């Protein structure tokens, strides 16, 4: 079964997964671009899915 949407390299989990939240991409600071091209970390969205909470 295909993931919807596909994960970007900066995502730690699927969007909406328990214990995760959306955050600004640390590499492009939420712009979706790096050095004039699409950011590879977030796939140009400016957002990544991160694990939240403490351990």
PDB file of N, CA and C in Angstrom:
ATOM      1  N   UNK A   1       0.837  -1.174   0.000  1.00  0.00           N
ATOM      2  CA  UNK A   1       0.000   0.000   0.000  1.00  0.00           C
ATOM      3  C   UNK A   1       0.889   1.248   0.000  1.00  0.00           C
ATOM      4  N   UNK A   2       0.618   2.192  -0.875  1.00  0.00           N
ATOM      5  CA  UNK A   2       1.426   3.401  -0.991  1.00  0.00           C
ATOM      6  C   UNK A   2       1.095   4.380   0.122  1.00  0.00           C
ATOM      7  N   UNK A   3       2.129   5.093   0.579  1.00  0.00           N
ATOM      8  CA  UNK A   3       1.925   6.114   1.602  1.00  0.00           C
ATOM      9  C   UNK A   3       1.308   7.342   0.968  1.00  0.00           C
ATOM     10  N   UNK A   4       0.386   7.940   1.659  1.00  0.00           N
ATOM     11  CA  UNK A   4      -0.249   9.179   1.214  1.00  0.00           C
ATOM     12  C   UNK A   4      -0.147  10.210   2.305  1.00  0.00           C
ATOM     13  N   UNK A   5       0.496  11.309   2.176  1.00  0.00           N
ATOM     14  CA  UNK A   5       1.491  11.599   1.151  1.00  0.00           C
ATOM     15  C   UNK A   5       2.803  10.895   1.464  1.00  0.00           C
ATOM     16  N   UNK A   6       3.702  10.791   0.479  1.00  0.00           N
ATOM     17  CA  UNK A   6       4.990  10.142   0.754  1.00  0.00           C
ATOM     18  C   UNK A   6       5.810  10.957   1.742  1.00  0.00           C
ATOM     19  N   UNK A   7       6.648  10.271   2.503  1.00  0.00           N
ATOM     20  CA  UNK A   7       7.484  10.961   3.489  1.00  0.00           C
ATOM     21  C   UNK A   7       8.633  11.687   2.799  1.00  0.00           C
ATOM     22  N   UNK A   8       8.992  12.832   3.339  1.00  0.00           N
ATOM     23  CA  UNK A   8      10.169  13.563   2.897  1.00  0.00           C
ATOM     24  C   UNK A   8      11.340  13.152   3.775  1.00  0.00           C
ATOM     25  N   UNK A   9      12.570  13.363   3.328  1.00  0.00           N
ATOM     26  CA  UNK A   9      13.732  12.945   4.125  1.00  0.00           C
ATOM     27  C   UNK A   9      13.765  13.514   5.542  1.00  0.00           C
ATOM     28  N   UNK A  10      13.196  14.684   5.772  1.00  0.00           N
ATOM     29  CA  UNK A  10      13.216  15.289   7.102  1.00  0.00           C
ATOM     30  C   UNK A  10      12.110  14.818   8.019  1.00  0.00           C
ATOM     31  N   UNK A  11      11.158  14.028   7.495  1.00  0.00           N
ATOM     32  CA  UNK A  11      10.056  13.537   8.316  1.00  0.00           C
ATOM     33  C   UNK A  11      10.513  12.371   9.184  1.00  0.00           C
ATOM     34  N   UNK A  12      10.075  12.376  10.436  1.00  0.00           N
ATOM     35  CA  UNK A  12      10.389  11.272  11.346  1.00  0.00           C
ATOM     36  C   UNK A  12       9.274  10.232  11.355  1.00  0.00           C
ATOM     37  N   UNK A  13       8.080  10.597  10.879  1.00  0.00           N
ATOM     38  CA  UNK A  13       6.932   9.690  10.858  1.00  0.00           C
ATOM     39  C   UNK A  13       5.906  10.223   9.874  1.00  0.00           C
ATOM     40  N   UNK A  14       4.870   9.413   9.598  1.00  0.00           N
ATOM     41  CA  UNK A  14       3.791   9.862   8.735  1.00  0.00           C
ATOM     42  C   UNK A  14       3.031  11.003   9.393  1.00  0.00           C
ATOM     43  N   UNK A  15       2.578  11.975   8.607  1.00  0.00           N
ATOM     44  CA  UNK A  15       1.749  13.045   9.171  1.00  0.00           C
ATOM     45  C   UNK A  15       0.520  12.467   9.869  1.00  0.00           C
ATOM     46  N   UNK A  16       0.219  12.979  11.046  1.00  0.00           N
ATOM     47  CA  UNK A  16      -0.946  12.530  11.802  1.00  0.00           C
ATOM     48  C   UNK A  16      -0.706  11.312  12.674  1.00  0.00           C
ATOM     49  N   UNK A  17       0.500  10.746  12.624  1.00  0.00           N
ATOM     50  CA  UNK A  17       0.799   9.592  13.469  1.00  0.00           C
ATOM     51  C   UNK A  17       0.780  10.018  14.937  1.00  0.00           C
ATOM     52  N   UNK A  18       0.325   9.140  15.826  1.00  0.00           N
ATOM     53  CA  UNK A  18       0.315   9.489  17.253  1.00  0.00           C
ATOM     54  C   UNK A  18       1.712   9.864  17.745  1.00  0.00           C
ATOM     55  N   UNK A  19       1.782  10.895  18.569  1.00  0.00           N
ATOM     56  CA  UNK A  19       3.053  11.317  19.140  1.00  0.00           C
ATOM     57  C   UNK A  19       3.892  12.150  18.195  1.00  0.00           C
ATOM     58  N   UNK A  20       3.286  12.682  17.123  1.00  0.00           N
ATOM     59  CA  UNK A  20       4.023  13.515  16.184  1.00  0.00           C
ATOM     60  C   UNK A  20       3.328  14.856  15.999  1.00  0.00           C
ATOM     61  N   UNK A  21       4.047  15.802  15.448  1.00  0.00           N
ATOM     62  CA  UNK A  21       3.495  17.113  15.149  1.00  0.00           C
ATOM     63  C   UNK A  21       4.252  17.735  13.996  1.00  0.00           C
ATOM     64  N   UNK A  22       3.641  18.719  13.379  1.00  0.00           N
ATOM     65  CA  UNK A  22       4.249  19.415  12.259  1.00  0.00           C
ATOM     66  C   UNK A  22       5.138  20.538  12.785  1.00  0.00           C
ATOM     67  N   UNK A  23       6.297  20.714  12.168  1.00  0.00           N
ATOM     68  CA  UNK A  23       7.229  21.754  12.577  1.00  0.00           C
ATOM     69  C   UNK A  23       7.839  22.366  11.322  1.00  0.00           C
ATOM     70  N   UNK A  24       8.428  23.549  11.471  1.00  0.00           N
ATOM     71  CA  UNK A  24       9.130  24.164  10.355  1.00  0.00           C
ATOM     72  C   UNK A  24      10.370  23.350  10.031  1.00  0.00           C
ATOM     73  N   UNK A  25      10.674  23.257   8.767  1.00  0.00           N
ATOM     74  CA  UNK A  25      11.873  22.544   8.331  1.00  0.00           C
ATOM     75  C   UNK A  25      13.106  23.249   8.893  1.00  0.00           C
ATOM     76  N   UNK A  26      14.004  22.507   9.536  1.00  0.00           N
ATOM     77  CA  UNK A  26      15.188  23.134  10.126  1.00  0.00           C
ATOM     78  C   UNK A  26      16.220  23.572   9.085  1.00  0.00           C
ATOM     79  N   UNK A  27      16.141  23.026   7.874  1.00  0.00           N
ATOM     80  CA  UNK A  27      17.146  23.351   6.864  1.00  0.00           C
ATOM     81  C   UNK A  27      16.790  24.582   6.028  1.00  0.00           C
ATOM     82  N   UNK A  28      15.491  24.810   5.775  1.00  0.00           N
ATOM     83  CA  UNK A  28      15.097  25.975   4.975  1.00  0.00           C
ATOM     84  C   UNK A  28      14.314  26.996   5.797  1.00  0.00           C
ATOM     85  N   UNK A  29      14.147  26.726   7.095  1.00  0.00           N
ATOM     86  CA  UNK A  29      13.410  27.611   8.007  1.00  0.00           C
ATOM     87  C   UNK A  29      11.980  27.873   7.546  1.00  0.00           C
ATOM     88  N   UNK A  30      11.369  26.874   6.928  1.00  0.00           N
ATOM     89  CA  UNK A  30       9.970  26.978   6.538  1.00  0.00           C
ATOM     90  C   UNK A  30       9.717  27.619   5.194  1.00  0.00           C
ATOM     91  N   UNK A  31      10.764  27.966   4.448  1.00  0.00           N
ATOM     92  CA  UNK A  31      10.567  28.609   3.151  1.00  0.00           C
ATOM     93  C   UNK A  31      10.309  27.608   2.033  1.00  0.00           C
ATOM     94  N   UNK A  32      10.772  26.375   2.189  1.00  0.00           N
ATOM     95  CA  UNK A  32      10.628  25.370   1.140  1.00  0.00           C
ATOM     96  C   UNK A  32      11.725  25.436   0.092  1.00  0.00           C
ATOM     97  N   UNK A  33      12.636  26.400   0.236  1.00  0.00           N
ATOM     98  CA  UNK A  33      13.719  26.548  -0.737  1.00  0.00           C
ATOM     99  C   UNK A  33      15.060  26.702  -0.040  1.00  0.00           C
ATOM    100  N   UNK A  34      16.091  26.160  -0.690  1.00  0.00           N
ATOM    101  CA  UNK A  34      17.469  26.318  -0.223  1.00  0.00           C
ATOM    102  C   UNK A  34      18.316  26.665  -1.432  1.00  0.00           C
ATOM    103  N   UNK A  35      19.024  27.768  -1.335  1.00  0.00           N
ATOM    104  CA  UNK A  35      19.913  28.216  -2.413  1.00  0.00           C
ATOM    105  C   UNK A  35      19.181  28.296  -3.751  1.00  0.00           C
ATOM    106  N   UNK A  36      17.922  28.757  -3.715  1.00  0.00           N
ATOM    107  CA  UNK A  36      17.149  28.968  -4.932  1.00  0.00           C
ATOM    108  C   UNK A  36      16.485  27.741  -5.519  1.00  0.00           C
ATOM    109  N   UNK A  37      16.644  26.583  -4.892  1.00  0.00           N
ATOM    110  CA  UNK A  37      15.991  25.368  -5.378  1.00  0.00           C
ATOM    111  C   UNK A  37      15.147  24.753  -4.264  1.00  0.00           C
ATOM    112  N   UNK A  38      14.315  23.796  -4.637  1.00  0.00           N
ATOM    113  CA  UNK A  38      13.453  23.121  -3.663  1.00  0.00           C
ATOM    114  C   UNK A  38      14.284  22.453  -2.584  1.00  0.00           C
ATOM    115  N   UNK A  39      13.885  22.640  -1.339  1.00  0.00           N
ATOM    116  CA  UNK A  39      14.579  22.021  -0.205  1.00  0.00           C
ATOM    117  C   UNK A  39      14.363  20.507  -0.247  1.00  0.00           C
ATOM    118  N   UNK A  40      15.447  19.749  -0.193  1.00  0.00           N
ATOM    119  CA  UNK A  40      15.354  18.288  -0.217  1.00  0.00           C
ATOM    120  C   UNK A  40      14.828  17.720   1.092  1.00  0.00           C
ATOM    121  N   UNK A  41      15.052  18.405   2.189  1.00  0.00           N
ATOM    122  CA  UNK A  41      14.654  17.890   3.495  1.00  0.00           C
ATOM    123  C   UNK A  41      13.139  17.827   3.632  1.00  0.00           C
ATOM    124  N   UNK A  42      12.444  18.882   3.198  1.00  0.00           N
ATOM    125  CA  UNK A  42      10.988  18.938   3.357  1.00  0.00           C
ATOM    126  C   UNK A  42      10.236  18.741   2.052  1.00  0.00           C
ATOM    127  N   UNK A  43      10.952  18.554   0.953  1.00  0.00           N
ATOM    128  CA  UNK A  43      10.297  18.380  -0.333  1.00  0.00           C
ATOM    129  C   UNK A  43       9.626  19.648  -0.835  1.00  0.00           C
ATOM    130  N   UNK A  44      10.067  20.791  -0.353  1.00  0.00           N
ATOM    131  CA  UNK A  44       9.533  22.067  -0.793  1.00  0.00           C
ATOM    132  C   UNK A  44       8.310  22.545  -0.035  1.00  0.00           C
ATOM    133  N   UNK A  45       7.888  21.797   0.987  1.00  0.00           N
ATOM    134  CA  UNK A  45       6.695  22.190   1.748  1.00  0.00           C
ATOM    135  C   UNK A  45       7.017  23.189   2.850  1.00  0.00           C
ATOM    136  N   UNK A  46       8.253  23.196   3.326  1.00  0.00           N
ATOM    137  CA  UNK A  46       8.629  24.055   4.436  1.00  0.00           C
ATOM    138  C   UNK A  46       8.290  23.457   5.777  1.00  0.00           C
ATOM    139  N   UNK A  47       7.729  22.236   5.784  1.00  0.00           N
ATOM    140  CA  UNK A  47       7.298  21.585   7.025  1.00  0.00           C
ATOM    141  C   UNK A  47       7.828  20.161   7.088  1.00  0.00           C
ATOM    142  N   UNK A  48       8.111  19.705   8.288  1.00  0.00           N
ATOM    143  CA  UNK A  48       8.492  18.316   8.530  1.00  0.00           C
ATOM    144  C   UNK A  48       7.652  17.774   9.694  1.00  0.00           C
ATOM    145  N   UNK A  49       7.477  16.472   9.728  1.00  0.00           N
ATOM    146  CA  UNK A  49       6.759  15.815  10.811  1.00  0.00           C
ATOM    147  C   UNK A  49       7.791  15.302  11.814  1.00  0.00           C
ATOM    148  N   UNK A  50       7.687  15.769  13.050  1.00  0.00           N
ATOM    149  CA  UNK A  50       8.647  15.444  14.096  1.00  0.00           C
ATOM    150  C   UNK A  50       7.972  14.685  15.220  1.00  0.00           C
ATOM    151  N   UNK A  51       8.736  13.857  15.905  1.00  0.00           N
ATOM    152  CA  UNK A  51       8.250  13.239  17.126  1.00  0.00           C
ATOM    153  C   UNK A  51       8.177  14.291  18.227  1.00  0.00           C
ATOM    154  N   UNK A  52       7.135  14.242  19.047  1.00  0.00           N
ATOM    155  CA  UNK A  52       7.005  15.196  20.137  1.00  0.00           C
ATOM    156  C   UNK A  52       6.939  14.443  21.456  1.00  0.00           C
ATOM    157  N   UNK A  53       7.125  15.147  22.520  1.00  0.00           N
ATOM    158  CA  UNK A  53       7.069  14.538  23.836  1.00  0.00           C
ATOM    159  C   UNK A  53       8.460  14.263  24.368  1.00  0.00           C
ATOM    160  N   UNK A  54       8.534  13.852  25.576  1.00  0.00           N
ATOM    161  CA  UNK A  54       9.811  13.591  26.212  1.00  0.00           C
ATOM    162  C   UNK A  54      10.021  12.113  26.468  1.00  0.00           C
ATOM    163  N   UNK A  55      11.217  11.800  26.815  1.00  0.00           N
ATOM    164  CA  UNK A  55      11.482  10.397  27.045  1.00  0.00           C
ATOM    165  C   UNK A  55      12.180  10.134  28.324  1.00  0.00           C
TER     166      UNK A  55
END
